[in-house]
């Protein structure tokens, strides 16, 4: 039996919930490449919490491109940019569908981080006023959103709190494509858990509690087959939640994300500083058509 993670269990339970109880949206904005409207089934207010000292949120029911996920975090927070060619040079090659016509994704993500010096402000605040309660990075800046076209940020807000020797973080996401990125152990949780580790290292703390809140989490209509395949893979591994006692009838084998940088300088961290231990995802990879 392959080693599963708690994120796998959370993912399949969330999938089952959407398939059983989700609401179909109306007049969706996204379209598939063939021009068909990309409908979704969704639930509101999904919350997942992890202790990064004992587990890392990554799915093993399908391979997660964790290095690409971290590289995207670099383009947003470490070498912030909204220029698609610069993102591609850093190994992030999926933003061209959101090109607003000038080679950028608009005044979004890295543009906003750079404009307001958000990372330096956060690191300085954690170091100088650890128990302050205003440690927030917001990518939702109204002026930026109005200045240009572009996809509004999905994962747009992080809130940081010191707790003794630990740094805790909450990620707020307005909308999430569950199967592609926002589900338990998916790209979004992997990349923000790693950002959490990076900021903790840069400020002298241990990465503690990581909570992910998705206001509207959805499964696209053309991802239903993939969602059922994930359930089938979980069933084959006998991964289920006991309804009788509310406990997990499975002994999880933790996947460990090692982070061993040569310095504590946030801007010196690289993809080579990360390595995954005990990660053996189930293959083949799923094919997922994107709604743009």
C-alpha atoms as a PDB file:
ATOM      1  CA  UNK A   1       0.000   0.000   0.000  1.00  0.00           C
ATOM      2  CA  UNK A   2       1.338   3.435  -0.933  1.00  0.00           C
ATOM      3  CA  UNK A   3       1.759   5.998   1.823  1.00  0.00           C
ATOM      4  CA  UNK A   4      -1.200   8.382   1.993  1.00  0.00           C
ATOM      5  CA  UNK A   5      -1.358  11.775   3.703  1.00  0.00           C
ATOM      6  CA  UNK A   6      -4.079  13.442   5.747  1.00  0.00           C
ATOM      7  CA  UNK A   7      -4.436  15.910   2.869  1.00  0.00           C
ATOM      8  CA  UNK A   8      -5.557  12.995   0.681  1.00  0.00           C
ATOM      9  CA  UNK A   9      -8.331  12.199   3.138  1.00  0.00           C
ATOM     10  CA  UNK A  10      -9.424  15.836   3.327  1.00  0.00           C
ATOM     11  CA  UNK A  11      -9.382  16.088  -0.458  1.00  0.00           C
ATOM     12  CA  UNK A  12     -11.610  13.086  -1.139  1.00  0.00           C
ATOM     13  CA  UNK A  13     -14.038  14.096   1.606  1.00  0.00           C
ATOM     14  CA  UNK A  14     -14.277  17.610   0.132  1.00  0.00           C
ATOM     15  CA  UNK A  15     -14.800  16.144  -3.351  1.00  0.00           C
ATOM     16  CA  UNK A  16     -17.597  13.912  -2.074  1.00  0.00           C
ATOM     17  CA  UNK A  17     -19.192  16.897  -0.364  1.00  0.00           C
ATOM     18  CA  UNK A  18     -19.226  18.994  -3.536  1.00  0.00           C
ATOM     19  CA  UNK A  19     -20.504  16.146  -5.699  1.00  0.00           C
ATOM     20  CA  UNK A  20     -23.286  15.398  -3.194  1.00  0.00           C
ATOM     21  CA  UNK A  21     -24.171  18.879  -1.958  1.00  0.00           C
ATOM     22  CA  UNK A  22     -22.631  21.424  -4.334  1.00  0.00           C
ATOM     23  CA  UNK A  23     -24.555  24.171  -6.122  1.00  0.00           C
ATOM     24  CA  UNK A  24     -24.168  24.677  -9.879  1.00  0.00           C
ATOM     25  CA  UNK A  25     -23.226  28.231 -10.750  1.00  0.00           C
ATOM     26  CA  UNK A  26     -24.998  30.486 -13.261  1.00  0.00           C
ATOM     27  CA  UNK A  27     -23.580  32.598 -16.112  1.00  0.00           C
ATOM     28  CA  UNK A  28     -19.920  31.697 -15.394  1.00  0.00           C
ATOM     29  CA  UNK A  29     -17.161  34.061 -16.498  1.00  0.00           C
ATOM     30  CA  UNK A  30     -14.577  31.407 -17.520  1.00  0.00           C
ATOM     31  CA  UNK A  31     -14.725  29.551 -20.811  1.00  0.00           C
ATOM     32  CA  UNK A  32     -12.943  26.459 -22.066  1.00  0.00           C
ATOM     33  CA  UNK A  33     -10.601  26.717 -25.049  1.00  0.00           C
ATOM     34  CA  UNK A  34     -13.423  25.701 -27.400  1.00  0.00           C
ATOM     35  CA  UNK A  35     -15.546  28.627 -26.200  1.00  0.00           C
ATOM     36  CA  UNK A  36     -17.943  26.561 -24.077  1.00  0.00           C
ATOM     37  CA  UNK A  37     -18.969  28.127 -20.781  1.00  0.00           C
ATOM     38  CA  UNK A  38     -17.057  26.528 -17.903  1.00  0.00           C
ATOM     39  CA  UNK A  39     -19.689  25.689 -15.302  1.00  0.00           C
ATOM     40  CA  UNK A  40     -18.759  24.607 -11.781  1.00  0.00           C
ATOM     41  CA  UNK A  41     -20.292  22.898  -8.784  1.00  0.00           C
ATOM     42  CA  UNK A  42     -19.278  24.662  -5.587  1.00  0.00           C
ATOM     43  CA  UNK A  43     -19.551  24.895  -1.828  1.00  0.00           C
ATOM     44  CA  UNK A  44     -18.788  27.947   0.285  1.00  0.00           C
ATOM     45  CA  UNK A  45     -16.450  28.283   3.269  1.00  0.00           C
ATOM     46  CA  UNK A  46     -14.005  25.382   3.248  1.00  0.00           C
ATOM     47  CA  UNK A  47     -11.367  25.408   6.011  1.00  0.00           C
ATOM     48  CA  UNK A  48      -8.357  23.122   6.476  1.00  0.00           C
ATOM     49  CA  UNK A  49      -5.617  23.364   9.131  1.00  0.00           C
ATOM     50  CA  UNK A  50      -2.204  21.700   9.309  1.00  0.00           C
ATOM     51  CA  UNK A  51       0.640  21.636  11.833  1.00  0.00           C
ATOM     52  CA  UNK A  52       3.725  22.102   9.672  1.00  0.00           C
ATOM     53  CA  UNK A  53       5.907  20.648  12.431  1.00  0.00           C
ATOM     54  CA  UNK A  54       4.285  17.232  12.009  1.00  0.00           C
ATOM     55  CA  UNK A  55       2.853  17.128   8.464  1.00  0.00           C
ATOM     56  CA  UNK A  56       3.161  18.742   5.061  1.00  0.00           C
ATOM     57  CA  UNK A  57       0.000  19.367   3.000  1.00  0.00           C
ATOM     58  CA  UNK A  58       0.578  17.544  -0.265  1.00  0.00           C
ATOM     59  CA  UNK A  59      -1.683  15.173  -2.180  1.00  0.00           C
ATOM     60  CA  UNK A  60      -0.393  11.732  -3.169  1.00  0.00           C
ATOM     61  CA  UNK A  61      -3.520  10.630  -5.074  1.00  0.00           C
ATOM     62  CA  UNK A  62      -1.961  12.322  -8.098  1.00  0.00           C
ATOM     63  CA  UNK A  63       1.450  13.920  -8.688  1.00  0.00           C
ATOM     64  CA  UNK A  64       1.704  17.544  -7.556  1.00  0.00           C
ATOM     65  CA  UNK A  65       4.220  19.715  -9.420  1.00  0.00           C
ATOM     66  CA  UNK A  66       5.621  21.034  -6.162  1.00  0.00           C
ATOM     67  CA  UNK A  67       8.742  22.660  -7.611  1.00  0.00           C
ATOM     68  CA  UNK A  68       6.664  24.658 -10.103  1.00  0.00           C
ATOM     69  CA  UNK A  69       4.366  25.669  -7.249  1.00  0.00           C
ATOM     70  CA  UNK A  70       7.293  27.043  -5.241  1.00  0.00           C
ATOM     71  CA  UNK A  71       8.724  28.801  -8.279  1.00  0.00           C
ATOM     72  CA  UNK A  72       5.428  30.656  -8.678  1.00  0.00           C
ATOM     73  CA  UNK A  73       5.736  31.835  -5.074  1.00  0.00           C
ATOM     74  CA  UNK A  74       9.169  33.229  -5.972  1.00  0.00           C
ATOM     75  CA  UNK A  75       7.629  35.225  -8.853  1.00  0.00           C
ATOM     76  CA  UNK A  76       5.054  36.738  -6.507  1.00  0.00           C
ATOM     77  CA  UNK A  77       6.954  37.367  -3.278  1.00  0.00           C
ATOM     78  CA  UNK A  78      10.724  36.971  -3.687  1.00  0.00           C
ATOM     79  CA  UNK A  79      11.456  38.399  -7.153  1.00  0.00           C
ATOM     80  CA  UNK A  80       8.032  39.947  -7.643  1.00  0.00           C
ATOM     81  CA  UNK A  81       6.929  40.502 -11.213  1.00  0.00           C
ATOM     82  CA  UNK A  82       3.831  40.616 -13.372  1.00  0.00           C
ATOM     83  CA  UNK A  83       5.803  40.299 -16.631  1.00  0.00           C
ATOM     84  CA  UNK A  84       5.016  36.958 -18.233  1.00  0.00           C
ATOM     85  CA  UNK A  85       8.437  36.552 -19.900  1.00  0.00           C
ATOM     86  CA  UNK A  86      10.142  37.083 -16.529  1.00  0.00           C
ATOM     87  CA  UNK A  87       7.842  34.537 -14.929  1.00  0.00           C
ATOM     88  CA  UNK A  88       8.660  32.063 -17.680  1.00  0.00           C
ATOM     89  CA  UNK A  89      12.389  32.643 -17.139  1.00  0.00           C
ATOM     90  CA  UNK A  90      11.797  31.586 -13.518  1.00  0.00           C
ATOM     91  CA  UNK A  91      10.066  28.376 -14.620  1.00  0.00           C
ATOM     92  CA  UNK A  92       6.421  29.509 -14.402  1.00  0.00           C
ATOM     93  CA  UNK A  93       4.867  28.939 -17.828  1.00  0.00           C
ATOM     94  CA  UNK A  94       1.078  28.890 -17.412  1.00  0.00           C
ATOM     95  CA  UNK A  95       0.140  32.568 -17.237  1.00  0.00           C
ATOM     96  CA  UNK A  96       0.055  33.397 -20.948  1.00  0.00           C
ATOM     97  CA  UNK A  97      -3.684  32.717 -21.157  1.00  0.00           C
ATOM     98  CA  UNK A  98      -4.127  35.725 -18.840  1.00  0.00           C
ATOM     99  CA  UNK A  99      -1.918  38.091 -20.867  1.00  0.00           C
ATOM    100  CA  UNK A 100      -3.793  41.401 -20.991  1.00  0.00           C
ATOM    101  CA  UNK A 101      -2.089  42.316 -24.263  1.00  0.00           C
ATOM    102  CA  UNK A 102       1.068  44.022 -23.028  1.00  0.00           C
ATOM    103  CA  UNK A 103       3.026  40.967 -21.961  1.00  0.00           C
ATOM    104  CA  UNK A 104       1.836  41.194 -18.360  1.00  0.00           C
ATOM    105  CA  UNK A 105      -1.004  39.835 -16.209  1.00  0.00           C
ATOM    106  CA  UNK A 106      -1.933  43.398 -15.269  1.00  0.00           C
ATOM    107  CA  UNK A 107      -1.339  45.115 -11.950  1.00  0.00           C
ATOM    108  CA  UNK A 108      -1.655  41.857 -10.047  1.00  0.00           C
ATOM    109  CA  UNK A 109       0.268  39.561  -7.705  1.00  0.00           C
ATOM    110  CA  UNK A 110       3.992  40.380  -7.957  1.00  0.00           C
ATOM    111  CA  UNK A 111       3.285  43.917  -9.147  1.00  0.00           C
ATOM    112  CA  UNK A 112       1.357  44.646  -5.956  1.00  0.00           C
ATOM    113  CA  UNK A 113       3.934  42.996  -3.688  1.00  0.00           C
ATOM    114  CA  UNK A 114       6.707  45.077  -5.233  1.00  0.00           C
ATOM    115  CA  UNK A 115       4.729  48.332  -5.318  1.00  0.00           C
ATOM    116  CA  UNK A 116       3.914  48.283  -1.599  1.00  0.00           C
ATOM    117  CA  UNK A 117       7.120  46.486  -0.452  1.00  0.00           C
ATOM    118  CA  UNK A 118       4.882  43.945   1.256  1.00  0.00           C
ATOM    119  CA  UNK A 119       7.463  41.271   2.099  1.00  0.00           C
ATOM    120  CA  UNK A 120      10.023  43.622   3.627  1.00  0.00           C
ATOM    121  CA  UNK A 121       7.266  45.263   5.659  1.00  0.00           C
ATOM    122  CA  UNK A 122       6.079  41.864   6.906  1.00  0.00           C
ATOM    123  CA  UNK A 123       9.530  40.589   7.854  1.00  0.00           C
ATOM    124  CA  UNK A 124      10.385  43.822   9.652  1.00  0.00           C
ATOM    125  CA  UNK A 125       7.092  43.787  11.564  1.00  0.00           C
ATOM    126  CA  UNK A 126       7.556  40.178  12.697  1.00  0.00           C
ATOM    127  CA  UNK A 127      11.083  40.932  13.902  1.00  0.00           C
ATOM    128  CA  UNK A 128      10.359  44.216  15.661  1.00  0.00           C
ATOM    129  CA  UNK A 129       6.808  43.696  16.945  1.00  0.00           C
ATOM    130  CA  UNK A 130       6.252  39.933  17.084  1.00  0.00           C
ATOM    131  CA  UNK A 131       2.985  40.007  19.029  1.00  0.00           C
ATOM    132  CA  UNK A 132       1.385  42.750  17.004  1.00  0.00           C
ATOM    133  CA  UNK A 133      -1.832  41.765  15.267  1.00  0.00           C
ATOM    134  CA  UNK A 134      -1.470  43.641  12.000  1.00  0.00           C
ATOM    135  CA  UNK A 135       0.774  41.276  10.062  1.00  0.00           C
ATOM    136  CA  UNK A 136      -1.191  41.077   6.847  1.00  0.00           C
ATOM    137  CA  UNK A 137      -0.197  40.807   3.201  1.00  0.00           C
ATOM    138  CA  UNK A 138      -3.074  41.779   0.935  1.00  0.00           C
ATOM    139  CA  UNK A 139      -2.898  41.387  -2.826  1.00  0.00           C
ATOM    140  CA  UNK A 140      -6.399  42.858  -3.066  1.00  0.00           C
ATOM    141  CA  UNK A 141      -5.562  46.517  -3.634  1.00  0.00           C
ATOM    142  CA  UNK A 142      -8.509  48.350  -5.183  1.00  0.00           C
ATOM    143  CA  UNK A 143      -6.396  50.913  -7.045  1.00  0.00           C
ATOM    144  CA  UNK A 144      -4.330  48.185  -8.666  1.00  0.00           C
ATOM    145  CA  UNK A 145      -7.407  46.202  -9.671  1.00  0.00           C
ATOM    146  CA  UNK A 146      -8.957  49.264 -11.324  1.00  0.00           C
ATOM    147  CA  UNK A 147      -5.829  50.419 -13.145  1.00  0.00           C
ATOM    148  CA  UNK A 148      -5.666  47.491 -15.585  1.00  0.00           C
ATOM    149  CA  UNK A 149      -7.488  44.428 -16.761  1.00  0.00           C
ATOM    150  CA  UNK A 150      -6.350  41.070 -15.422  1.00  0.00           C
ATOM    151  CA  UNK A 151      -7.453  38.102 -13.370  1.00  0.00           C
ATOM    152  CA  UNK A 152      -8.342  39.210  -9.848  1.00  0.00           C
ATOM    153  CA  UNK A 153      -6.093  37.464  -7.302  1.00  0.00           C
ATOM    154  CA  UNK A 154      -7.517  34.162  -6.047  1.00  0.00           C
ATOM    155  CA  UNK A 155      -5.269  33.441  -3.059  1.00  0.00           C
ATOM    156  CA  UNK A 156      -5.064  37.067  -2.026  1.00  0.00           C
ATOM    157  CA  UNK A 157      -4.549  37.454   1.726  1.00  0.00           C
ATOM    158  CA  UNK A 158      -2.207  36.035   4.354  1.00  0.00           C
ATOM    159  CA  UNK A 159      -2.371  36.774   8.089  1.00  0.00           C
ATOM    160  CA  UNK A 160       0.650  36.057  10.280  1.00  0.00           C
ATOM    161  CA  UNK A 161       0.839  35.574  14.056  1.00  0.00           C
ATOM    162  CA  UNK A 162       3.716  34.725  16.396  1.00  0.00           C
ATOM    163  CA  UNK A 163       3.049  32.098  19.068  1.00  0.00           C
ATOM    164  CA  UNK A 164       6.059  31.530  21.282  1.00  0.00           C
ATOM    165  CA  UNK A 165       8.716  29.932  19.088  1.00  0.00           C
ATOM    166  CA  UNK A 166       6.245  29.402  16.246  1.00  0.00           C
ATOM    167  CA  UNK A 167       4.978  31.537  13.384  1.00  0.00           C
ATOM    168  CA  UNK A 168       1.397  30.709  12.355  1.00  0.00           C
ATOM    169  CA  UNK A 169      -0.212  31.760   9.089  1.00  0.00           C
ATOM    170  CA  UNK A 170      -3.709  31.835   7.611  1.00  0.00           C
ATOM    171  CA  UNK A 171      -4.267  31.943   3.841  1.00  0.00           C
ATOM    172  CA  UNK A 172      -7.535  33.446   2.578  1.00  0.00           C
ATOM    173  CA  UNK A 173      -8.615  32.485  -0.940  1.00  0.00           C
ATOM    174  CA  UNK A 174     -11.694  34.030  -2.557  1.00  0.00           C
ATOM    175  CA  UNK A 175     -12.123  31.265  -5.149  1.00  0.00           C
ATOM    176  CA  UNK A 176     -10.559  27.870  -5.691  1.00  0.00           C
ATOM    177  CA  UNK A 177     -10.469  25.356  -8.548  1.00  0.00           C
ATOM    178  CA  UNK A 178     -10.335  22.311  -6.272  1.00  0.00           C
ATOM    179  CA  UNK A 179      -8.981  19.627  -8.578  1.00  0.00           C
ATOM    180  CA  UNK A 180      -6.452  21.824 -10.363  1.00  0.00           C
ATOM    181  CA  UNK A 181      -4.980  23.830  -7.497  1.00  0.00           C
ATOM    182  CA  UNK A 182      -6.949  24.783  -4.384  1.00  0.00           C
ATOM    183  CA  UNK A 183      -7.943  21.413  -2.943  1.00  0.00           C
ATOM    184  CA  UNK A 184      -6.313  19.791   0.074  1.00  0.00           C
ATOM    185  CA  UNK A 185      -2.670  19.071  -0.651  1.00  0.00           C
ATOM    186  CA  UNK A 186      -2.855  20.850  -4.007  1.00  0.00           C
ATOM    187  CA  UNK A 187      -0.650  23.483  -5.578  1.00  0.00           C
ATOM    188  CA  UNK A 188      -1.966  26.368  -3.474  1.00  0.00           C
ATOM    189  CA  UNK A 189      -1.430  24.643  -0.130  1.00  0.00           C
ATOM    190  CA  UNK A 190       1.997  23.367  -1.151  1.00  0.00           C
ATOM    191  CA  UNK A 191       3.237  26.757  -2.273  1.00  0.00           C
ATOM    192  CA  UNK A 192       1.863  28.732   0.662  1.00  0.00           C
ATOM    193  CA  UNK A 193       3.091  26.175   3.189  1.00  0.00           C
ATOM    194  CA  UNK A 194       6.538  26.685   1.647  1.00  0.00           C
ATOM    195  CA  UNK A 195       6.168  30.480   1.786  1.00  0.00           C
ATOM    196  CA  UNK A 196       5.239  29.977   5.450  1.00  0.00           C
ATOM    197  CA  UNK A 197       8.475  28.052   5.983  1.00  0.00           C
ATOM    198  CA  UNK A 198      10.489  30.728   4.184  1.00  0.00           C
ATOM    199  CA  UNK A 199       9.115  33.625   6.226  1.00  0.00           C
ATOM    200  CA  UNK A 200       9.546  31.644   9.458  1.00  0.00           C
ATOM    201  CA  UNK A 201      13.186  30.966   8.602  1.00  0.00           C
ATOM    202  CA  UNK A 202      13.823  34.595   7.647  1.00  0.00           C
ATOM    203  CA  UNK A 203      12.432  35.826  10.975  1.00  0.00           C
ATOM    204  CA  UNK A 204      13.893  33.217  13.324  1.00  0.00           C
ATOM    205  CA  UNK A 205      10.789  31.145  14.061  1.00  0.00           C
ATOM    206  CA  UNK A 206       9.530  27.630  13.386  1.00  0.00           C
ATOM    207  CA  UNK A 207       6.671  27.215  10.931  1.00  0.00           C
ATOM    208  CA  UNK A 208       3.620  26.353  13.032  1.00  0.00           C
ATOM    209  CA  UNK A 209      -0.094  26.259  12.255  1.00  0.00           C
ATOM    210  CA  UNK A 210      -1.098  26.740   8.610  1.00  0.00           C
ATOM    211  CA  UNK A 211      -4.797  27.312   7.939  1.00  0.00           C
ATOM    212  CA  UNK A 212      -6.326  27.576   4.465  1.00  0.00           C
ATOM    213  CA  UNK A 213      -9.756  29.183   4.022  1.00  0.00           C
ATOM    214  CA  UNK A 214     -11.427  29.002   0.603  1.00  0.00           C
ATOM    215  CA  UNK A 215     -14.533  31.177   0.348  1.00  0.00           C
ATOM    216  CA  UNK A 216     -15.859  29.434  -2.776  1.00  0.00           C
ATOM    217  CA  UNK A 217     -14.330  26.087  -3.733  1.00  0.00           C
ATOM    218  CA  UNK A 218     -15.501  24.481  -6.930  1.00  0.00           C
ATOM    219  CA  UNK A 219     -15.169  21.520  -9.276  1.00  0.00           C
ATOM    220  CA  UNK A 220     -15.478  22.320 -12.978  1.00  0.00           C
ATOM    221  CA  UNK A 221     -18.018  20.303 -14.932  1.00  0.00           C
ATOM    222  CA  UNK A 222     -15.272  18.884 -17.140  1.00  0.00           C
ATOM    223  CA  UNK A 223     -13.330  17.786 -14.030  1.00  0.00           C
ATOM    224  CA  UNK A 224     -16.041  15.471 -12.692  1.00  0.00           C
ATOM    225  CA  UNK A 225     -14.420  12.375 -14.179  1.00  0.00           C
ATOM    226  CA  UNK A 226     -11.078  13.350 -12.663  1.00  0.00           C
ATOM    227  CA  UNK A 227     -12.764  13.913  -9.294  1.00  0.00           C
ATOM    228  CA  UNK A 228     -14.277  10.430  -9.421  1.00  0.00           C
ATOM    229  CA  UNK A 229     -10.906   8.972 -10.382  1.00  0.00           C
ATOM    230  CA  UNK A 230      -9.374  10.497  -7.242  1.00  0.00           C
ATOM    231  CA  UNK A 231     -12.140   8.910  -5.168  1.00  0.00           C
ATOM    232  CA  UNK A 232     -11.489   5.561  -6.859  1.00  0.00           C
ATOM    233  CA  UNK A 233      -7.770   5.817  -6.108  1.00  0.00           C
ATOM    234  CA  UNK A 234      -8.526   6.603  -2.474  1.00  0.00           C
ATOM    235  CA  UNK A 235     -10.928   3.670  -2.250  1.00  0.00           C
ATOM    236  CA  UNK A 236      -8.265   1.371  -3.692  1.00  0.00           C
ATOM    237  CA  UNK A 237      -5.981   2.453  -0.847  1.00  0.00           C
ATOM    238  CA  UNK A 238      -8.789   1.906   1.688  1.00  0.00           C
ATOM    239  CA  UNK A 239      -8.601   5.576   2.613  1.00  0.00           C
ATOM    240  CA  UNK A 240     -11.808   6.519   4.428  1.00  0.00           C
ATOM    241  CA  UNK A 241     -13.170   8.250   7.504  1.00  0.00           C
ATOM    242  CA  UNK A 242     -14.803   6.096  10.149  1.00  0.00           C
ATOM    243  CA  UNK A 243     -18.365   7.331  10.600  1.00  0.00           C
ATOM    244  CA  UNK A 244     -18.692   5.497  13.894  1.00  0.00           C
ATOM    245  CA  UNK A 245     -16.010   7.217  15.934  1.00  0.00           C
ATOM    246  CA  UNK A 246     -14.935  10.220  13.874  1.00  0.00           C
ATOM    247  CA  UNK A 247     -11.313   9.051  13.830  1.00  0.00           C
ATOM    248  CA  UNK A 248      -9.109   8.161  10.899  1.00  0.00           C
ATOM    249  CA  UNK A 249      -8.944   4.417  10.284  1.00  0.00           C
ATOM    250  CA  UNK A 250      -5.604   4.851   8.576  1.00  0.00           C
ATOM    251  CA  UNK A 251      -2.066   5.338   9.818  1.00  0.00           C
ATOM    252  CA  UNK A 252      -0.681   8.178   7.755  1.00  0.00           C
ATOM    253  CA  UNK A 253       2.904   8.192   6.542  1.00  0.00           C
ATOM    254  CA  UNK A 254       3.973  11.830   6.681  1.00  0.00           C
ATOM    255  CA  UNK A 255       5.563  13.327   3.599  1.00  0.00           C
ATOM    256  CA  UNK A 256       8.306  15.625   4.812  1.00  0.00           C
ATOM    257  CA  UNK A 257       9.275  18.841   3.068  1.00  0.00           C
ATOM    258  CA  UNK A 258      12.898  19.579   3.933  1.00  0.00           C
ATOM    259  CA  UNK A 259      13.973  23.212   3.804  1.00  0.00           C
ATOM    260  CA  UNK A 260      17.694  23.722   4.308  1.00  0.00           C
ATOM    261  CA  UNK A 261      18.826  27.130   3.048  1.00  0.00           C
ATOM    262  CA  UNK A 262      22.413  28.302   3.369  1.00  0.00           C
ATOM    263  CA  UNK A 263      21.367  31.634   4.903  1.00  0.00           C
ATOM    264  CA  UNK A 264      18.389  33.217   6.653  1.00  0.00           C
ATOM    265  CA  UNK A 265      18.005  35.900   3.981  1.00  0.00           C
ATOM    266  CA  UNK A 266      14.596  35.547   2.331  1.00  0.00           C
ATOM    267  CA  UNK A 267      15.986  36.770  -0.986  1.00  0.00           C
ATOM    268  CA  UNK A 268      18.724  34.126  -1.052  1.00  0.00           C
ATOM    269  CA  UNK A 269      16.347  31.136  -0.846  1.00  0.00           C
ATOM    270  CA  UNK A 270      16.185  28.955  -3.958  1.00  0.00           C
ATOM    271  CA  UNK A 271      14.344  25.896  -5.230  1.00  0.00           C
ATOM    272  CA  UNK A 272      17.433  23.822  -4.437  1.00  0.00           C
ATOM    273  CA  UNK A 273      16.839  24.527  -0.721  1.00  0.00           C
ATOM    274  CA  UNK A 274      13.688  22.353  -0.833  1.00  0.00           C
ATOM    275  CA  UNK A 275      13.432  18.579  -1.069  1.00  0.00           C
ATOM    276  CA  UNK A 276      10.567  16.140  -0.511  1.00  0.00           C
ATOM    277  CA  UNK A 277      10.985  12.978   1.520  1.00  0.00           C
ATOM    278  CA  UNK A 278       8.695   9.936   1.317  1.00  0.00           C
ATOM    279  CA  UNK A 279       6.653  11.326  -1.594  1.00  0.00           C
ATOM    280  CA  UNK A 280       5.357   8.569  -3.883  1.00  0.00           C
ATOM    281  CA  UNK A 281       2.268   9.876  -5.690  1.00  0.00           C
ATOM    282  CA  UNK A 282      -0.096   7.653  -7.648  1.00  0.00           C
ATOM    283  CA  UNK A 283       0.244   7.888 -11.421  1.00  0.00           C
ATOM    284  CA  UNK A 284      -0.709   8.627 -14.136  1.00  0.00           C
ATOM    285  CA  UNK A 285      -1.283  12.355 -13.857  1.00  0.00           C
ATOM    286  CA  UNK A 286      -4.825  13.606 -14.448  1.00  0.00           C
ATOM    287  CA  UNK A 287      -5.639  15.666 -17.541  1.00  0.00           C
ATOM    288  CA  UNK A 288      -7.511  18.821 -16.575  1.00  0.00           C
ATOM    289  CA  UNK A 289      -8.962  21.311 -19.045  1.00  0.00           C
ATOM    290  CA  UNK A 290      -8.755  24.851 -17.712  1.00  0.00           C
ATOM    291  CA  UNK A 291     -11.502  27.427 -17.704  1.00  0.00           C
ATOM    292  CA  UNK A 292      -9.987  30.820 -18.609  1.00  0.00           C
END
